[in-house]
Amino acid sequence: MSRGGRRDGPTEPIRTCVGCGERLPQRLLQRFHLHDGELQAGPGPGRGAYTCRRRACLERAVARRAFGRTLRARVVVPAGLTDLFI
């Protein structure tokens, strides 16, 4: 670290899991986006929401309707999406 608490060089983006609220490097999380109002995993256009790569976090985010709040839209969660994580 340089003086003043600043880091030298580029930093990795930090994102928050919408399921558990943990803040982690973006590369450790799964990104979700909307396509025609339906939630899809993976990269895509527009706002994104992230969860840990654990089924419990994804299920909690769906149950709490966190995707709708984070993406600022009405979200349809397709059946079987929670099967993304084992």
PDB file of N, CA and C in Angstrom:
ATOM      1  N   MET A   1       0.829  -1.182   0.000  1.00  0.00           N
ATOM      2  CA  MET A   1       0.000   0.000   0.000  1.00  0.00           C
ATOM      3  C   MET A   1       0.875   1.246   0.000  1.00  0.00           C
ATOM      4  N   SER A   2       0.388   2.225  -0.653  1.00  0.00           N
ATOM      5  CA  SER A   2       1.094   3.494  -0.646  1.00  0.00           C
ATOM      6  C   SER A   2       0.606   4.328   0.531  1.00  0.00           C
ATOM      7  N   ARG A   3       1.170   5.480   0.690  1.00  0.00           N
ATOM      8  CA  ARG A   3       0.781   6.362   1.797  1.00  0.00           C
ATOM      9  C   ARG A   3      -0.678   6.774   1.670  1.00  0.00           C
ATOM     10  N   GLY A   4      -1.327   6.973   2.800  1.00  0.00           N
ATOM     11  CA  GLY A   4      -2.708   7.409   2.783  1.00  0.00           C
ATOM     12  C   GLY A   4      -3.713   6.282   2.652  1.00  0.00           C
ATOM     13  N   GLY A   5      -3.248   5.019   2.748  1.00  0.00           N
ATOM     14  CA  GLY A   5      -4.179   3.897   2.683  1.00  0.00           C
ATOM     15  C   GLY A   5      -4.628   3.530   1.282  1.00  0.00           C
ATOM     16  N   ARG A   6      -4.047   4.119   0.272  1.00  0.00           N
ATOM     17  CA  ARG A   6      -4.427   3.793  -1.109  1.00  0.00           C
ATOM     18  C   ARG A   6      -3.645   2.595  -1.594  1.00  0.00           C
ATOM     19  N   ARG A   7      -4.265   1.824  -2.446  1.00  0.00           N
ATOM     20  CA  ARG A   7      -3.602   0.664  -3.021  1.00  0.00           C
ATOM     21  C   ARG A   7      -2.902   1.058  -4.313  1.00  0.00           C
ATOM     22  N   ASP A   8      -1.824   0.371  -4.571  1.00  0.00           N
ATOM     23  CA  ASP A   8      -1.118   0.572  -5.829  1.00  0.00           C
ATOM     24  C   ASP A   8      -1.675  -0.399  -6.860  1.00  0.00           C
ATOM     25  N   GLY A   9      -1.912   0.063  -8.072  1.00  0.00           N
ATOM     26  CA  GLY A   9      -2.392  -0.802  -9.143  1.00  0.00           C
ATOM     27  C   GLY A   9      -3.896  -0.958  -9.150  1.00  0.00           C
ATOM     28  N   PRO A  10      -4.402  -1.740 -10.117  1.00  0.00           N
ATOM     29  CA  PRO A  10      -5.847  -1.914 -10.255  1.00  0.00           C
ATOM     30  C   PRO A  10      -6.427  -2.758  -9.118  1.00  0.00           C
ATOM     31  N   THR A  11      -7.673  -2.512  -8.796  1.00  0.00           N
ATOM     32  CA  THR A  11      -8.357  -3.288  -7.774  1.00  0.00           C
ATOM     33  C   THR A  11      -9.455  -4.117  -8.414  1.00  0.00           C
ATOM     34  N   GLU A  12      -9.811  -5.190  -7.764  1.00  0.00           N
ATOM     35  CA  GLU A  12     -10.854  -6.075  -8.278  1.00  0.00           C
ATOM     36  C   GLU A  12     -12.221  -5.564  -7.813  1.00  0.00           C
ATOM     37  N   PRO A  13     -13.231  -5.599  -8.696  1.00  0.00           N
ATOM     38  CA  PRO A  13     -14.568  -5.148  -8.293  1.00  0.00           C
ATOM     39  C   PRO A  13     -15.139  -6.025  -7.173  1.00  0.00           C
ATOM     40  N   ILE A  14     -15.807  -5.395  -6.233  1.00  0.00           N
ATOM     41  CA  ILE A  14     -16.461  -6.087  -5.125  1.00  0.00           C
ATOM     42  C   ILE A  14     -17.964  -5.973  -5.333  1.00  0.00           C
ATOM     43  N   ARG A  15     -18.684  -7.074  -5.176  1.00  0.00           N
ATOM     44  CA  ARG A  15     -20.132  -7.101  -5.321  1.00  0.00           C
ATOM     45  C   ARG A  15     -20.747  -7.729  -4.074  1.00  0.00           C
ATOM     46  N   THR A  16     -22.040  -7.495  -3.875  1.00  0.00           N
ATOM     47  CA  THR A  16     -22.753  -8.016  -2.712  1.00  0.00           C
ATOM     48  C   THR A  16     -23.733  -9.089  -3.139  1.00  0.00           C
ATOM     49  N   CYS A  17     -23.718 -10.221  -2.440  1.00  0.00           N
ATOM     50  CA  CYS A  17     -24.664 -11.307  -2.693  1.00  0.00           C
ATOM     51  C   CYS A  17     -26.048 -10.852  -2.255  1.00  0.00           C
ATOM     52  N   VAL A  18     -27.043 -10.958  -3.140  1.00  0.00           N
ATOM     53  CA  VAL A  18     -28.403 -10.546  -2.784  1.00  0.00           C
ATOM     54  C   VAL A  18     -29.091 -11.578  -1.895  1.00  0.00           C
ATOM     55  N   GLY A  19     -28.477 -12.728  -1.707  1.00  0.00           N
ATOM     56  CA  GLY A  19     -29.033 -13.754  -0.842  1.00  0.00           C
ATOM     57  C   GLY A  19     -28.595 -13.600   0.603  1.00  0.00           C
ATOM     58  N   CYS A  20     -27.270 -13.522   0.821  1.00  0.00           N
ATOM     59  CA  CYS A  20     -26.752 -13.486   2.187  1.00  0.00           C
ATOM     60  C   CYS A  20     -26.175 -12.131   2.584  1.00  0.00           C
ATOM     61  N   GLY A  21     -25.918 -11.260   1.617  1.00  0.00           N
ATOM     62  CA  GLY A  21     -25.391  -9.938   1.913  1.00  0.00           C
ATOM     63  C   GLY A  21     -23.881  -9.866   2.036  1.00  0.00           C
ATOM     64  N   GLU A  22     -23.192 -10.977   1.799  1.00  0.00           N
ATOM     65  CA  GLU A  22     -21.736 -10.993   1.894  1.00  0.00           C
ATOM     66  C   GLU A  22     -21.114 -10.248   0.718  1.00  0.00           C
ATOM     67  N   ARG A  23     -20.075  -9.479   1.002  1.00  0.00           N
ATOM     68  CA  ARG A  23     -19.357  -8.747  -0.039  1.00  0.00           C
ATOM     69  C   ARG A  23     -18.130  -9.550  -0.444  1.00  0.00           C
ATOM     70  N   LEU A  24     -18.045  -9.887  -1.749  1.00  0.00           N
ATOM     71  CA  LEU A  24     -16.967 -10.721  -2.266  1.00  0.00           C
ATOM     72  C   LEU A  24     -16.469 -10.166  -3.590  1.00  0.00           C
ATOM     73  N   PRO A  25     -15.269 -10.591  -4.014  1.00  0.00           N
ATOM     74  CA  PRO A  25     -14.814 -10.220  -5.352  1.00  0.00           C
ATOM     75  C   PRO A  25     -15.791 -10.736  -6.408  1.00  0.00           C
ATOM     76  N   GLN A  26     -16.000  -9.950  -7.435  1.00  0.00           N
ATOM     77  CA  GLN A  26     -16.978 -10.272  -8.481  1.00  0.00           C
ATOM     78  C   GLN A  26     -16.750 -11.642  -9.084  1.00  0.00           C
ATOM     79  N   ARG A  27     -15.509 -12.061  -9.229  1.00  0.00           N
ATOM     80  CA  ARG A  27     -15.201 -13.341  -9.878  1.00  0.00           C
ATOM     81  C   ARG A  27     -15.693 -14.543  -9.079  1.00  0.00           C
ATOM     82  N   LEU A  28     -15.982 -14.363  -7.792  1.00  0.00           N
ATOM     83  CA  LEU A  28     -16.451 -15.460  -6.949  1.00  0.00           C
ATOM     84  C   LEU A  28     -17.966 -15.579  -6.907  1.00  0.00           C
ATOM     85  N   LEU A  29     -18.675 -14.664  -7.548  1.00  0.00           N
ATOM     86  CA  LEU A  29     -20.128 -14.638  -7.511  1.00  0.00           C
ATOM     87  C   LEU A  29     -20.726 -14.988  -8.874  1.00  0.00           C
ATOM     88  N   GLN A  30     -21.986 -15.395  -8.854  1.00  0.00           N
ATOM     89  CA  GLN A  30     -22.727 -15.677 -10.093  1.00  0.00           C
ATOM     90  C   GLN A  30     -23.570 -14.459 -10.439  1.00  0.00           C
ATOM     91  N   ARG A  31     -23.469 -13.988 -11.680  1.00  0.00           N
ATOM     92  CA  ARG A  31     -24.238 -12.828 -12.115  1.00  0.00           C
ATOM     93  C   ARG A  31     -25.559 -13.283 -12.726  1.00  0.00           C
ATOM     94  N   PHE A  32     -26.609 -12.515 -12.445  1.00  0.00           N
ATOM     95  CA  PHE A  32     -27.926 -12.734 -13.035  1.00  0.00           C
ATOM     96  C   PHE A  32     -28.381 -11.437 -13.688  1.00  0.00           C
ATOM     97  N   HIS A  33     -29.136 -11.556 -14.767  1.00  0.00           N
ATOM     98  CA  HIS A  33     -29.687 -10.396 -15.460  1.00  0.00           C
ATOM     99  C   HIS A  33     -31.077 -10.749 -15.978  1.00  0.00           C
ATOM    100  N   LEU A  34     -31.781  -9.757 -16.454  1.00  0.00           N
ATOM    101  CA  LEU A  34     -33.114  -9.983 -17.012  1.00  0.00           C
ATOM    102  C   LEU A  34     -33.060 -10.025 -18.529  1.00  0.00           C
ATOM    103  N   HIS A  35     -33.826 -10.943 -19.091  1.00  0.00           N
ATOM    104  CA  HIS A  35     -34.025 -11.007 -20.541  1.00  0.00           C
ATOM    105  C   HIS A  35     -35.523 -11.165 -20.745  1.00  0.00           C
ATOM    106  N   ASP A  36     -36.164 -10.139 -21.271  1.00  0.00           N
ATOM    107  CA  ASP A  36     -37.618 -10.120 -21.464  1.00  0.00           C
ATOM    108  C   ASP A  36     -38.367 -10.414 -20.158  1.00  0.00           C
ATOM    109  N   GLY A  37     -37.856  -9.857 -19.058  1.00  0.00           N
ATOM    110  CA  GLY A  37     -38.512 -10.001 -17.764  1.00  0.00           C
ATOM    111  C   GLY A  37     -38.220 -11.293 -17.032  1.00  0.00           C
ATOM    112  N   GLU A  38     -37.443 -12.183 -17.643  1.00  0.00           N
ATOM    113  CA  GLU A  38     -37.117 -13.467 -17.029  1.00  0.00           C
ATOM    114  C   GLU A  38     -35.674 -13.466 -16.551  1.00  0.00           C
ATOM    115  N   LEU A  39     -35.462 -13.966 -15.352  1.00  0.00           N
ATOM    116  CA  LEU A  39     -34.130 -14.008 -14.756  1.00  0.00           C
ATOM    117  C   LEU A  39     -33.280 -15.049 -15.455  1.00  0.00           C
ATOM    118  N   GLN A  40     -32.056 -14.659 -15.824  1.00  0.00           N
ATOM    119  CA  GLN A  40     -31.127 -15.575 -16.471  1.00  0.00           C
ATOM    120  C   GLN A  40     -29.762 -15.437 -15.834  1.00  0.00           C
ATOM    121  N   ALA A  41     -29.061 -16.553 -15.752  1.00  0.00           N
ATOM    122  CA  ALA A  41     -27.717 -16.569 -15.204  1.00  0.00           C
ATOM    123  C   ALA A  41     -26.710 -16.243 -16.301  1.00  0.00           C
ATOM    124  N   GLY A  42     -25.611 -15.607 -15.903  1.00  0.00           N
ATOM    125  CA  GLY A  42     -24.535 -15.333 -16.832  1.00  0.00           C
ATOM    126  C   GLY A  42     -24.475 -13.886 -17.246  1.00  0.00           C
ATOM    127  N   PRO A  43     -23.487 -13.567 -18.067  1.00  0.00           N
ATOM    128  CA  PRO A  43     -23.344 -12.185 -18.516  1.00  0.00           C
ATOM    129  C   PRO A  43     -24.489 -11.769 -19.425  1.00  0.00           C
ATOM    130  N   GLY A  44     -24.800 -10.506 -19.395  1.00  0.00           N
ATOM    131  CA  GLY A  44     -25.869  -9.993 -20.236  1.00  0.00           C
ATOM    132  C   GLY A  44     -25.972  -8.492 -20.088  1.00  0.00           C
ATOM    133  N   PRO A  45     -26.824  -7.883 -20.871  1.00  0.00           N
ATOM    134  CA  PRO A  45     -26.937  -6.424 -20.847  1.00  0.00           C
ATOM    135  C   PRO A  45     -27.686  -5.925 -19.616  1.00  0.00           C
ATOM    136  N   GLY A  46     -27.463  -4.685 -19.288  1.00  0.00           N
ATOM    137  CA  GLY A  46     -28.228  -4.022 -18.233  1.00  0.00           C
ATOM    138  C   GLY A  46     -27.749  -4.321 -16.834  1.00  0.00           C
ATOM    139  N   ARG A  47     -28.622  -3.987 -15.888  1.00  0.00           N
ATOM    140  CA  ARG A  47     -28.303  -4.181 -14.473  1.00  0.00           C
ATOM    141  C   ARG A  47     -28.100  -5.660 -14.182  1.00  0.00           C
ATOM    142  N   GLY A  48     -27.242  -5.922 -13.224  1.00  0.00           N
ATOM    143  CA  GLY A  48     -27.005  -7.291 -12.807  1.00  0.00           C
ATOM    144  C   GLY A  48     -27.201  -7.434 -11.313  1.00  0.00           C
ATOM    145  N   ALA A  49     -27.495  -8.635 -10.900  1.00  0.00           N
ATOM    146  CA  ALA A  49     -27.588  -8.988  -9.485  1.00  0.00           C
ATOM    147  C   ALA A  49     -26.692 -10.203  -9.283  1.00  0.00           C
ATOM    148  N   TYR A  50     -26.094 -10.308  -8.129  1.00  0.00           N
ATOM    149  CA  TYR A  50     -25.120 -11.358  -7.873  1.00  0.00           C
ATOM    150  C   TYR A  50     -25.512 -12.185  -6.660  1.00  0.00           C
ATOM    151  N   THR A  51     -25.201 -13.489  -6.717  1.00  0.00           N
ATOM    152  CA  THR A  51     -25.334 -14.348  -5.540  1.00  0.00           C
ATOM    153  C   THR A  51     -24.054 -15.156  -5.405  1.00  0.00           C
ATOM    154  N   CYS A  52     -23.819 -15.636  -4.182  1.00  0.00           N
ATOM    155  CA  CYS A  52     -22.734 -16.589  -3.970  1.00  0.00           C
ATOM    156  C   CYS A  52     -23.056 -17.820  -4.810  1.00  0.00           C
ATOM    157  N   ARG A  53     -22.084 -18.619  -5.064  1.00  0.00           N
ATOM    158  CA  ARG A  53     -22.309 -19.827  -5.867  1.00  0.00           C
ATOM    159  C   ARG A  53     -22.786 -20.980  -4.980  1.00  0.00           C
ATOM    160  N   ARG A  54     -23.763 -20.662  -4.136  1.00  0.00           N
ATOM    161  CA  ARG A  54     -24.382 -21.657  -3.255  1.00  0.00           C
ATOM    162  C   ARG A  54     -25.882 -21.657  -3.498  1.00  0.00           C
ATOM    163  N   ARG A  55     -26.441 -22.831  -3.504  1.00  0.00           N
ATOM    164  CA  ARG A  55     -27.879 -22.966  -3.746  1.00  0.00           C
ATOM    165  C   ARG A  55     -28.694 -22.229  -2.678  1.00  0.00           C
ATOM    166  N   ALA A  56     -28.242 -22.266  -1.432  1.00  0.00           N
ATOM    167  CA  ALA A  56     -28.967 -21.621  -0.333  1.00  0.00           C
ATOM    168  C   ALA A  56     -29.094 -20.120  -0.568  1.00  0.00           C
ATOM    169  N   CYS A  57     -28.044 -19.486  -1.078  1.00  0.00           N
ATOM    170  CA  CYS A  57     -28.090 -18.044  -1.337  1.00  0.00           C
ATOM    171  C   CYS A  57     -29.063 -17.724  -2.471  1.00  0.00           C
ATOM    172  N   LEU A  58     -29.055 -18.542  -3.510  1.00  0.00           N
ATOM    173  CA  LEU A  58     -29.971 -18.333  -4.628  1.00  0.00           C
ATOM    174  C   LEU A  58     -31.423 -18.522  -4.175  1.00  0.00           C
ATOM    175  N   GLU A  59     -31.683 -19.571  -3.413  1.00  0.00           N
ATOM    176  CA  GLU A  59     -33.042 -19.818  -2.924  1.00  0.00           C
ATOM    177  C   GLU A  59     -33.516 -18.695  -2.001  1.00  0.00           C
ATOM    178  N   ARG A  60     -32.626 -18.206  -1.159  1.00  0.00           N
ATOM    179  CA  ARG A  60     -32.988 -17.113  -0.253  1.00  0.00           C
ATOM    180  C   ARG A  60     -33.293 -15.835  -1.030  1.00  0.00           C
ATOM    181  N   ALA A  61     -32.500 -15.547  -2.045  1.00  0.00           N
ATOM    182  CA  ALA A  61     -32.734 -14.353  -2.864  1.00  0.00           C
ATOM    183  C   ALA A  61     -34.085 -14.432  -3.568  1.00  0.00           C
ATOM    184  N   VAL A  62     -34.443 -15.620  -4.056  1.00  0.00           N
ATOM    185  CA  VAL A  62     -35.739 -15.805  -4.719  1.00  0.00           C
ATOM    186  C   VAL A  62     -36.865 -15.642  -3.696  1.00  0.00           C
ATOM    187  N   ALA A  63     -36.730 -16.272  -2.536  1.00  0.00           N
ATOM    188  CA  ALA A  63     -37.773 -16.222  -1.517  1.00  0.00           C
ATOM    189  C   ALA A  63     -37.990 -14.795  -0.995  1.00  0.00           C
ATOM    190  N   ARG A  64     -36.935 -14.020  -0.880  1.00  0.00           N
ATOM    191  CA  ARG A  64     -37.025 -12.656  -0.361  1.00  0.00           C
ATOM    192  C   ARG A  64     -37.343 -11.634  -1.451  1.00  0.00           C
ATOM    193  N   ARG A  65     -37.482 -12.105  -2.685  1.00  0.00           N
ATOM    194  CA  ARG A  65     -37.736 -11.231  -3.841  1.00  0.00           C
ATOM    195  C   ARG A  65     -36.653 -10.175  -4.005  1.00  0.00           C
ATOM    196  N   ALA A  66     -35.431 -10.566  -3.692  1.00  0.00           N
ATOM    197  CA  ALA A  66     -34.288  -9.649  -3.752  1.00  0.00           C
ATOM    198  C   ALA A  66     -33.921  -9.291  -5.190  1.00  0.00           C
ATOM    199  N   PHE A  67     -34.157 -10.200  -6.125  1.00  0.00           N
ATOM    200  CA  PHE A  67     -33.807  -9.903  -7.516  1.00  0.00           C
ATOM    201  C   PHE A  67     -34.636  -8.741  -8.051  1.00  0.00           C
ATOM    202  N   GLY A  68     -35.905  -8.711  -7.743  1.00  0.00           N
ATOM    203  CA  GLY A  68     -36.776  -7.625  -8.198  1.00  0.00           C
ATOM    204  C   GLY A  68     -36.329  -6.277  -7.660  1.00  0.00           C
ATOM    205  N   ARG A  69     -35.961  -6.240  -6.380  1.00  0.00           N
ATOM    206  CA  ARG A  69     -35.498  -4.980  -5.783  1.00  0.00           C
ATOM    207  C   ARG A  69     -34.174  -4.542  -6.393  1.00  0.00           C
ATOM    208  N   THR A  70     -33.259  -5.474  -6.523  1.00  0.00           N
ATOM    209  CA  THR A  70     -31.929  -5.136  -7.031  1.00  0.00           C
ATOM    210  C   THR A  70     -31.972  -4.731  -8.501  1.00  0.00           C
ATOM    211  N   LEU A  71     -32.739  -5.448  -9.291  1.00  0.00           N
ATOM    212  CA  LEU A  71     -32.809  -5.166 -10.728  1.00  0.00           C
ATOM    213  C   LEU A  71     -33.829  -4.083 -11.065  1.00  0.00           C
ATOM    214  N   ARG A  72     -34.583  -3.639 -10.057  1.00  0.00           N
ATOM    215  CA  ARG A  72     -35.578  -2.575 -10.225  1.00  0.00           C
ATOM    216  C   ARG A  72     -36.591  -2.905 -11.322  1.00  0.00           C
ATOM    217  N   ALA A  73     -37.085  -4.134 -11.265  1.00  0.00           N
ATOM    218  CA  ALA A  73     -38.045  -4.580 -12.282  1.00  0.00           C
ATOM    219  C   ALA A  73     -38.846  -5.744 -11.725  1.00  0.00           C
ATOM    220  N   ARG A  74     -39.922  -6.053 -12.409  1.00  0.00           N
ATOM    221  CA  ARG A  74     -40.704  -7.243 -12.087  1.00  0.00           C
ATOM    222  C   ARG A  74     -39.963  -8.431 -12.679  1.00  0.00           C
ATOM    223  N   VAL A  75     -39.715  -9.440 -11.855  1.00  0.00           N
ATOM    224  CA  VAL A  75     -38.864 -10.556 -12.260  1.00  0.00           C
ATOM    225  C   VAL A  75     -39.659 -11.865 -12.249  1.00  0.00           C
ATOM    226  N   VAL A  76     -39.505 -12.638 -13.319  1.00  0.00           N
ATOM    227  CA  VAL A  76     -40.051 -13.986 -13.386  1.00  0.00           C
ATOM    228  C   VAL A  76     -38.865 -14.935 -13.230  1.00  0.00           C
ATOM    229  N   VAL A  77     -38.944 -15.782 -12.207  1.00  0.00           N
ATOM    230  CA  VAL A  77     -37.876 -16.755 -11.973  1.00  0.00           C
ATOM    231  C   VAL A  77     -38.293 -18.072 -12.614  1.00  0.00           C
ATOM    232  N   PRO A  78     -37.555 -18.521 -13.634  1.00  0.00           N
ATOM    233  CA  PRO A  78     -37.938 -19.758 -14.320  1.00  0.00           C
ATOM    234  C   PRO A  78     -37.795 -20.974 -13.407  1.00  0.00           C
ATOM    235  N   ALA A  79     -38.667 -21.938 -13.602  1.00  0.00           N
ATOM    236  CA  ALA A  79     -38.583 -23.190 -12.838  1.00  0.00           C
ATOM    237  C   ALA A  79     -37.248 -23.851 -13.133  1.00  0.00           C
ATOM    238  N   GLY A  80     -36.649 -24.393 -12.106  1.00  0.00           N
ATOM    239  CA  GLY A  80     -35.374 -25.092 -12.283  1.00  0.00           C
ATOM    240  C   GLY A  80     -34.154 -24.211 -12.186  1.00  0.00           C
ATOM    241  N   LEU A  81     -34.326 -22.904 -11.993  1.00  0.00           N
ATOM    242  CA  LEU A  81     -33.159 -22.026 -11.887  1.00  0.00           C
ATOM    243  C   LEU A  81     -32.327 -22.383 -10.660  1.00  0.00           C
ATOM    244  N   THR A  82     -32.982 -22.792  -9.578  1.00  0.00           N
ATOM    245  CA  THR A  82     -32.236 -23.134  -8.372  1.00  0.00           C
ATOM    246  C   THR A  82     -31.413 -24.407  -8.558  1.00  0.00           C
ATOM    247  N   ASP A  83     -31.660 -25.157  -9.625  1.00  0.00           N
ATOM    248  CA  ASP A  83     -30.852 -26.330  -9.918  1.00  0.00           C
ATOM    249  C   ASP A  83     -29.496 -25.959 -10.516  1.00  0.00           C
ATOM    250  N   LEU A  84     -29.270 -24.658 -10.705  1.00  0.00           N
ATOM    251  CA  LEU A  84     -28.007 -24.173 -11.247  1.00  0.00           C
ATOM    252  C   LEU A  84     -26.847 -24.569 -10.337  1.00  0.00           C
ATOM    253  N   PHE A  85     -27.091 -24.551  -9.023  1.00  0.00           N
ATOM    254  CA  PHE A  85     -26.059 -24.914  -8.051  1.00  0.00           C
ATOM    255  C   PHE A  85     -26.478 -26.193  -7.350  1.00  0.00           C
ATOM    256  N   ILE A  86     -25.525 -27.058  -7.136  1.00  0.00           N
ATOM    257  CA  ILE A  86     -25.800 -28.345  -6.472  1.00  0.00           C
ATOM    258  C   ILE A  86     -25.533 -28.211  -4.998  1.00  0.00           C
TER     259      ILE A  86
END
